[in-house]
Amino acid sequence: MPLIKIQTSLLSPSAPEVNALLKKLSAELSQQLGKSEAYVMTSFTSGVPMTFGGSADEPTCFVEIKNIGTMTPTQTQIMSQTFCQHLESELGIAKQRTYIEFADAERHLWGWNGKTFA
């Protein structure tokens, strides 16, 4: 059930550009967490009014990464570096203008297919 959700102030990048990025992030998240990509969900929302450091002049980004189970400090450090690098190279969003929130979820607090993962 890993999820990576991206919100950015960038105006809508092209659909092929977004789809390529989401596919890359899906595969990377699956690999980093050692979980089947069949359960990975990605989401991208652009054009969100945002500021960073009091400035709206440059694009900024907020990323949520959720996972059932516990992400280690080593995993989150590697994912932060990797995903910030992808966002900078693919969309031109500076690493210094990106926040990532990592959240572990308990199995009974995540539903799918009419059930929970508990």
N, C-alpha and C. Protein backbone atom coordinates (compact mmCIF):
# COMPACT_ATOMS: atom_id res chain seq x y z
N MET A 1 0.78 -1.19 0.00
CA MET A 1 0.00 0.00 0.00
C MET A 1 0.82 1.26 0.00
N PRO A 2 2.07 1.21 -0.35
CA PRO A 2 2.81 2.46 -0.36
C PRO A 2 2.13 3.51 -1.25
N LEU A 3 2.19 4.75 -0.79
CA LEU A 3 1.61 5.87 -1.52
C LEU A 3 2.63 6.99 -1.59
N ILE A 4 2.75 7.59 -2.76
CA ILE A 4 3.51 8.83 -2.90
C ILE A 4 2.58 9.84 -3.55
N LYS A 5 2.35 10.94 -2.84
CA LYS A 5 1.42 11.98 -3.27
C LYS A 5 2.20 13.29 -3.40
N ILE A 6 2.13 13.88 -4.58
CA ILE A 6 2.89 15.09 -4.87
C ILE A 6 1.94 16.25 -5.12
N GLN A 7 2.21 17.35 -4.44
CA GLN A 7 1.50 18.61 -4.69
C GLN A 7 2.56 19.65 -5.03
N THR A 8 2.33 20.40 -6.10
CA THR A 8 3.31 21.39 -6.51
C THR A 8 2.62 22.66 -7.00
N SER A 9 3.35 23.75 -6.89
CA SER A 9 2.86 25.03 -7.39
C SER A 9 3.05 25.17 -8.90
N LEU A 10 3.82 24.27 -9.49
CA LEU A 10 4.00 24.31 -10.95
C LEU A 10 2.66 24.25 -11.64
N LEU A 11 2.52 25.04 -12.69
CA LEU A 11 1.34 24.91 -13.51
C LEU A 11 1.47 23.59 -14.26
N SER A 12 0.40 23.09 -14.72
CA SER A 12 0.31 21.73 -15.25
C SER A 12 1.41 21.37 -16.26
N PRO A 13 2.34 20.50 -15.85
CA PRO A 13 3.29 19.96 -16.82
C PRO A 13 2.53 19.06 -17.79
N SER A 14 3.16 18.66 -18.87
CA SER A 14 2.48 17.82 -19.85
C SER A 14 2.13 16.46 -19.25
N ALA A 15 1.05 15.88 -19.74
CA ALA A 15 0.61 14.56 -19.24
C ALA A 15 1.69 13.50 -19.43
N PRO A 16 2.36 13.43 -20.58
CA PRO A 16 3.42 12.43 -20.71
C PRO A 16 4.56 12.63 -19.71
N GLU A 17 4.88 13.88 -19.42
CA GLU A 17 5.93 14.20 -18.45
C GLU A 17 5.53 13.72 -17.05
N VAL A 18 4.29 14.00 -16.66
CA VAL A 18 3.79 13.59 -15.35
C VAL A 18 3.72 12.07 -15.26
N ASN A 19 3.17 11.43 -16.29
CA ASN A 19 3.06 9.96 -16.28
C ASN A 19 4.41 9.29 -16.18
N ALA A 20 5.40 9.80 -16.90
CA ALA A 20 6.75 9.23 -16.83
C ALA A 20 7.33 9.38 -15.43
N LEU A 21 7.13 10.55 -14.83
CA LEU A 21 7.63 10.78 -13.47
C LEU A 21 6.94 9.84 -12.49
N LEU A 22 5.62 9.71 -12.57
CA LEU A 22 4.89 8.85 -11.64
C LEU A 22 5.30 7.39 -11.78
N LYS A 23 5.53 6.93 -12.99
CA LYS A 23 5.99 5.55 -13.19
C LYS A 23 7.37 5.35 -12.57
N LYS A 24 8.24 6.33 -12.74
CA LYS A 24 9.59 6.25 -12.17
C LYS A 24 9.52 6.22 -10.63
N LEU A 25 8.68 7.11 -10.06
CA LEU A 25 8.55 7.16 -8.60
C LEU A 25 7.90 5.91 -8.04
N SER A 26 6.94 5.35 -8.77
CA SER A 26 6.28 4.11 -8.34
C SER A 26 7.29 2.97 -8.23
N ALA A 27 8.08 2.80 -9.27
CA ALA A 27 9.09 1.73 -9.27
C ALA A 27 10.12 1.96 -8.17
N GLU A 28 10.53 3.21 -7.99
CA GLU A 28 11.53 3.52 -6.97
C GLU A 28 10.99 3.29 -5.57
N LEU A 29 9.75 3.70 -5.31
CA LEU A 29 9.15 3.49 -3.99
C LEU A 29 9.02 2.00 -3.69
N SER A 30 8.59 1.23 -4.66
CA SER A 30 8.49 -0.22 -4.50
C SER A 30 9.85 -0.82 -4.12
N GLN A 31 10.86 -0.40 -4.83
CA GLN A 31 12.21 -0.93 -4.59
C GLN A 31 12.73 -0.51 -3.22
N GLN A 32 12.55 0.76 -2.87
CA GLN A 32 13.06 1.27 -1.59
C GLN A 32 12.42 0.58 -0.39
N LEU A 33 11.11 0.26 -0.52
CA LEU A 33 10.40 -0.34 0.61
C LEU A 33 10.33 -1.86 0.53
N GLY A 34 10.81 -2.43 -0.58
CA GLY A 34 10.79 -3.88 -0.73
C GLY A 34 9.38 -4.44 -0.82
N LYS A 35 8.48 -3.67 -1.45
CA LYS A 35 7.09 -4.11 -1.58
C LYS A 35 6.72 -4.18 -3.05
N SER A 36 5.75 -5.03 -3.36
CA SER A 36 5.31 -5.20 -4.73
C SER A 36 4.76 -3.89 -5.29
N GLU A 37 5.17 -3.57 -6.50
CA GLU A 37 4.67 -2.36 -7.15
C GLU A 37 3.18 -2.46 -7.45
N ALA A 38 2.64 -3.68 -7.43
CA ALA A 38 1.21 -3.89 -7.67
C ALA A 38 0.35 -3.14 -6.65
N TYR A 39 0.91 -2.79 -5.49
CA TYR A 39 0.16 -2.10 -4.44
C TYR A 39 0.54 -0.63 -4.30
N VAL A 40 1.48 -0.14 -5.09
CA VAL A 40 1.94 1.25 -4.99
C VAL A 40 0.95 2.18 -5.70
N MET A 41 0.59 3.28 -5.03
CA MET A 41 -0.25 4.31 -5.63
C MET A 41 0.55 5.60 -5.71
N THR A 42 0.41 6.30 -6.85
CA THR A 42 1.04 7.60 -7.02
C THR A 42 -0.04 8.63 -7.33
N SER A 43 0.22 9.86 -6.95
CA SER A 43 -0.74 10.94 -7.19
C SER A 43 0.03 12.23 -7.45
N PHE A 44 -0.48 13.04 -8.38
CA PHE A 44 0.20 14.29 -8.73
C PHE A 44 -0.83 15.39 -8.91
N THR A 45 -0.68 16.48 -8.17
CA THR A 45 -1.55 17.64 -8.30
C THR A 45 -0.67 18.85 -8.56
N SER A 46 -0.95 19.55 -9.66
CA SER A 46 -0.18 20.75 -9.97
C SER A 46 -1.05 21.99 -9.82
N GLY A 47 -0.41 23.14 -9.89
CA GLY A 47 -1.13 24.40 -9.81
C GLY A 47 -1.67 24.73 -8.43
N VAL A 48 -1.09 24.14 -7.39
CA VAL A 48 -1.53 24.39 -6.03
C VAL A 48 -0.89 25.70 -5.54
N PRO A 49 -1.69 26.66 -5.07
CA PRO A 49 -1.08 27.88 -4.53
C PRO A 49 -0.23 27.52 -3.31
N MET A 50 1.05 27.84 -3.38
CA MET A 50 1.99 27.47 -2.31
C MET A 50 3.06 28.54 -2.18
N THR A 51 3.61 28.65 -0.98
CA THR A 51 4.80 29.47 -0.76
C THR A 51 5.82 28.59 -0.05
N PHE A 52 7.06 29.00 -0.12
CA PHE A 52 8.13 28.36 0.65
C PHE A 52 9.06 29.49 1.07
N GLY A 53 9.31 29.60 2.35
CA GLY A 53 10.15 30.68 2.85
C GLY A 53 9.55 32.05 2.58
N GLY A 54 8.22 32.11 2.51
CA GLY A 54 7.55 33.37 2.27
C GLY A 54 7.52 33.79 0.82
N SER A 55 8.01 32.93 -0.07
CA SER A 55 8.09 33.28 -1.49
C SER A 55 7.27 32.35 -2.35
N ALA A 56 6.55 32.93 -3.30
CA ALA A 56 5.80 32.15 -4.29
C ALA A 56 6.42 32.34 -5.68
N ASP A 57 7.61 32.95 -5.73
CA ASP A 57 8.24 33.28 -7.01
C ASP A 57 8.80 32.06 -7.75
N GLU A 58 9.23 31.06 -7.02
CA GLU A 58 9.80 29.86 -7.63
C GLU A 58 8.91 28.67 -7.28
N PRO A 59 8.93 27.62 -8.13
CA PRO A 59 8.09 26.46 -7.84
C PRO A 59 8.50 25.79 -6.53
N THR A 60 7.51 25.22 -5.87
CA THR A 60 7.74 24.49 -4.62
C THR A 60 6.93 23.20 -4.66
N CYS A 61 7.23 22.30 -3.74
CA CYS A 61 6.61 20.98 -3.78
C CYS A 61 6.47 20.40 -2.38
N PHE A 62 5.35 19.72 -2.15
CA PHE A 62 5.13 18.97 -0.91
C PHE A 62 4.81 17.54 -1.31
N VAL A 63 5.53 16.60 -0.71
CA VAL A 63 5.40 15.18 -1.02
C VAL A 63 5.02 14.43 0.25
N GLU A 64 4.03 13.56 0.13
CA GLU A 64 3.67 12.66 1.22
C GLU A 64 4.02 11.24 0.80
N ILE A 65 4.69 10.53 1.68
CA ILE A 65 4.99 9.11 1.45
C ILE A 65 4.44 8.35 2.64
N LYS A 66 3.51 7.44 2.35
CA LYS A 66 2.88 6.64 3.40
C LYS A 66 3.13 5.17 3.12
N ASN A 67 3.22 4.41 4.21
CA ASN A 67 3.55 2.99 4.09
C ASN A 67 3.02 2.23 5.30
N ILE A 68 2.48 1.05 5.05
CA ILE A 68 2.14 0.17 6.17
C ILE A 68 3.44 -0.46 6.65
N GLY A 69 3.70 -0.31 7.92
CA GLY A 69 4.94 -0.81 8.49
C GLY A 69 5.81 0.36 8.91
N THR A 70 7.05 0.06 9.23
CA THR A 70 7.95 1.08 9.73
C THR A 70 9.06 1.36 8.73
N MET A 71 9.20 2.63 8.38
CA MET A 71 10.31 3.06 7.54
C MET A 71 11.47 3.42 8.46
N THR A 72 12.64 2.95 8.13
CA THR A 72 13.81 3.23 8.96
C THR A 72 14.39 4.60 8.61
N PRO A 73 15.18 5.17 9.52
CA PRO A 73 15.85 6.44 9.21
C PRO A 73 16.72 6.35 7.95
N THR A 74 17.36 5.22 7.74
CA THR A 74 18.18 5.04 6.54
C THR A 74 17.31 5.07 5.29
N GLN A 75 16.16 4.38 5.33
CA GLN A 75 15.26 4.38 4.18
C GLN A 75 14.74 5.79 3.88
N THR A 76 14.32 6.51 4.90
CA THR A 76 13.77 7.84 4.65
C THR A 76 14.84 8.80 4.14
N GLN A 77 16.06 8.66 4.62
CA GLN A 77 17.15 9.51 4.13
C GLN A 77 17.41 9.24 2.65
N ILE A 78 17.47 7.97 2.28
CA ILE A 78 17.72 7.61 0.88
C ILE A 78 16.55 8.07 0.01
N MET A 79 15.32 7.85 0.47
CA MET A 79 14.16 8.28 -0.32
C MET A 79 14.11 9.79 -0.47
N SER A 80 14.43 10.53 0.59
CA SER A 80 14.43 11.99 0.50
C SER A 80 15.41 12.45 -0.58
N GLN A 81 16.59 11.91 -0.54
CA GLN A 81 17.61 12.27 -1.53
C GLN A 81 17.16 11.89 -2.94
N THR A 82 16.68 10.66 -3.09
CA THR A 82 16.29 10.15 -4.41
C THR A 82 15.12 10.90 -4.99
N PHE A 83 14.06 11.08 -4.21
CA PHE A 83 12.86 11.72 -4.74
C PHE A 83 13.07 13.21 -4.99
N CYS A 84 13.82 13.89 -4.13
CA CYS A 84 14.14 15.29 -4.39
C CYS A 84 14.94 15.43 -5.68
N GLN A 85 15.85 14.51 -5.90
CA GLN A 85 16.66 14.53 -7.13
C GLN A 85 15.77 14.34 -8.37
N HIS A 86 14.83 13.38 -8.29
CA HIS A 86 13.91 13.16 -9.42
C HIS A 86 13.08 14.41 -9.70
N LEU A 87 12.54 15.03 -8.66
CA LEU A 87 11.70 16.21 -8.84
C LEU A 87 12.49 17.38 -9.40
N GLU A 88 13.74 17.49 -8.99
CA GLU A 88 14.57 18.57 -9.50
C GLU A 88 14.94 18.33 -10.97
N SER A 89 15.35 17.13 -11.29
CA SER A 89 15.77 16.86 -12.68
C SER A 89 14.59 16.77 -13.65
N GLU A 90 13.45 16.24 -13.20
CA GLU A 90 12.30 16.06 -14.10
C GLU A 90 11.43 17.31 -14.21
N LEU A 91 11.27 18.05 -13.09
CA LEU A 91 10.35 19.19 -13.08
C LEU A 91 11.02 20.54 -12.82
N GLY A 92 12.29 20.52 -12.44
CA GLY A 92 12.99 21.77 -12.17
C GLY A 92 12.67 22.39 -10.82
N ILE A 93 12.16 21.59 -9.89
CA ILE A 93 11.85 22.10 -8.55
C ILE A 93 13.08 21.89 -7.67
N ALA A 94 13.64 22.98 -7.17
CA ALA A 94 14.86 22.90 -6.37
C ALA A 94 14.63 22.05 -5.13
N LYS A 95 15.64 21.25 -4.79
CA LYS A 95 15.57 20.41 -3.58
C LYS A 95 15.28 21.24 -2.34
N GLN A 96 15.80 22.47 -2.32
CA GLN A 96 15.62 23.34 -1.17
C GLN A 96 14.19 23.86 -1.05
N ARG A 97 13.35 23.60 -2.05
CA ARG A 97 11.96 24.07 -2.03
C ARG A 97 10.99 22.89 -2.01
N THR A 98 11.46 21.76 -1.50
CA THR A 98 10.65 20.55 -1.42
C THR A 98 10.67 20.01 0.00
N TYR A 99 9.48 19.77 0.53
CA TYR A 99 9.34 19.06 1.81
C TYR A 99 8.76 17.68 1.51
N ILE A 100 9.22 16.70 2.28
CA ILE A 100 8.68 15.34 2.20
C ILE A 100 8.25 14.93 3.59
N GLU A 101 7.02 14.46 3.69
CA GLU A 101 6.52 13.93 4.96
C GLU A 101 6.42 12.41 4.83
N PHE A 102 7.09 11.69 5.70
CA PHE A 102 7.04 10.24 5.74
C PHE A 102 6.09 9.83 6.87
N ALA A 103 5.18 8.91 6.58
CA ALA A 103 4.24 8.46 7.61
C ALA A 103 4.06 6.96 7.55
N ASP A 104 4.25 6.32 8.69
CA ASP A 104 3.97 4.90 8.83
C ASP A 104 2.50 4.73 9.20
N ALA A 105 1.87 3.71 8.65
CA ALA A 105 0.47 3.43 8.96
C ALA A 105 0.35 2.04 9.56
N GLU A 106 -0.52 1.93 10.56
CA GLU A 106 -0.81 0.60 11.10
C GLU A 106 -1.75 -0.12 10.14
N ARG A 107 -1.63 -1.43 10.07
CA ARG A 107 -2.38 -2.24 9.10
C ARG A 107 -3.89 -2.05 9.20
N HIS A 108 -4.41 -1.89 10.39
CA HIS A 108 -5.86 -1.75 10.55
C HIS A 108 -6.37 -0.36 10.19
N LEU A 109 -5.46 0.58 9.92
CA LEU A 109 -5.84 1.94 9.57
C LEU A 109 -5.76 2.23 8.07
N TRP A 110 -5.59 1.17 7.27
CA TRP A 110 -5.50 1.35 5.83
C TRP A 110 -6.40 0.33 5.16
N GLY A 111 -7.35 0.80 4.36
CA GLY A 111 -8.30 -0.08 3.71
C GLY A 111 -8.03 -0.23 2.23
N TRP A 112 -8.47 -1.35 1.70
CA TRP A 112 -8.37 -1.65 0.27
C TRP A 112 -9.28 -2.82 -0.05
N ASN A 113 -9.96 -2.75 -1.16
CA ASN A 113 -10.77 -3.85 -1.63
C ASN A 113 -11.85 -4.26 -0.63
N GLY A 114 -12.41 -3.28 0.08
CA GLY A 114 -13.48 -3.55 1.03
C GLY A 114 -13.03 -4.14 2.35
N LYS A 115 -11.72 -4.17 2.59
CA LYS A 115 -11.15 -4.73 3.83
C LYS A 115 -10.07 -3.78 4.32
N THR A 116 -9.42 -4.15 5.40
CA THR A 116 -8.21 -3.47 5.84
C THR A 116 -7.06 -4.45 5.66
N PHE A 117 -5.86 -3.97 5.85
CA PHE A 117 -4.67 -4.83 5.72
C PHE A 117 -4.39 -5.60 7.01
N ALA A 118 -5.24 -5.47 8.03
CA ALA A 118 -5.04 -6.17 9.31
C ALA A 118 -5.37 -7.64 9.17
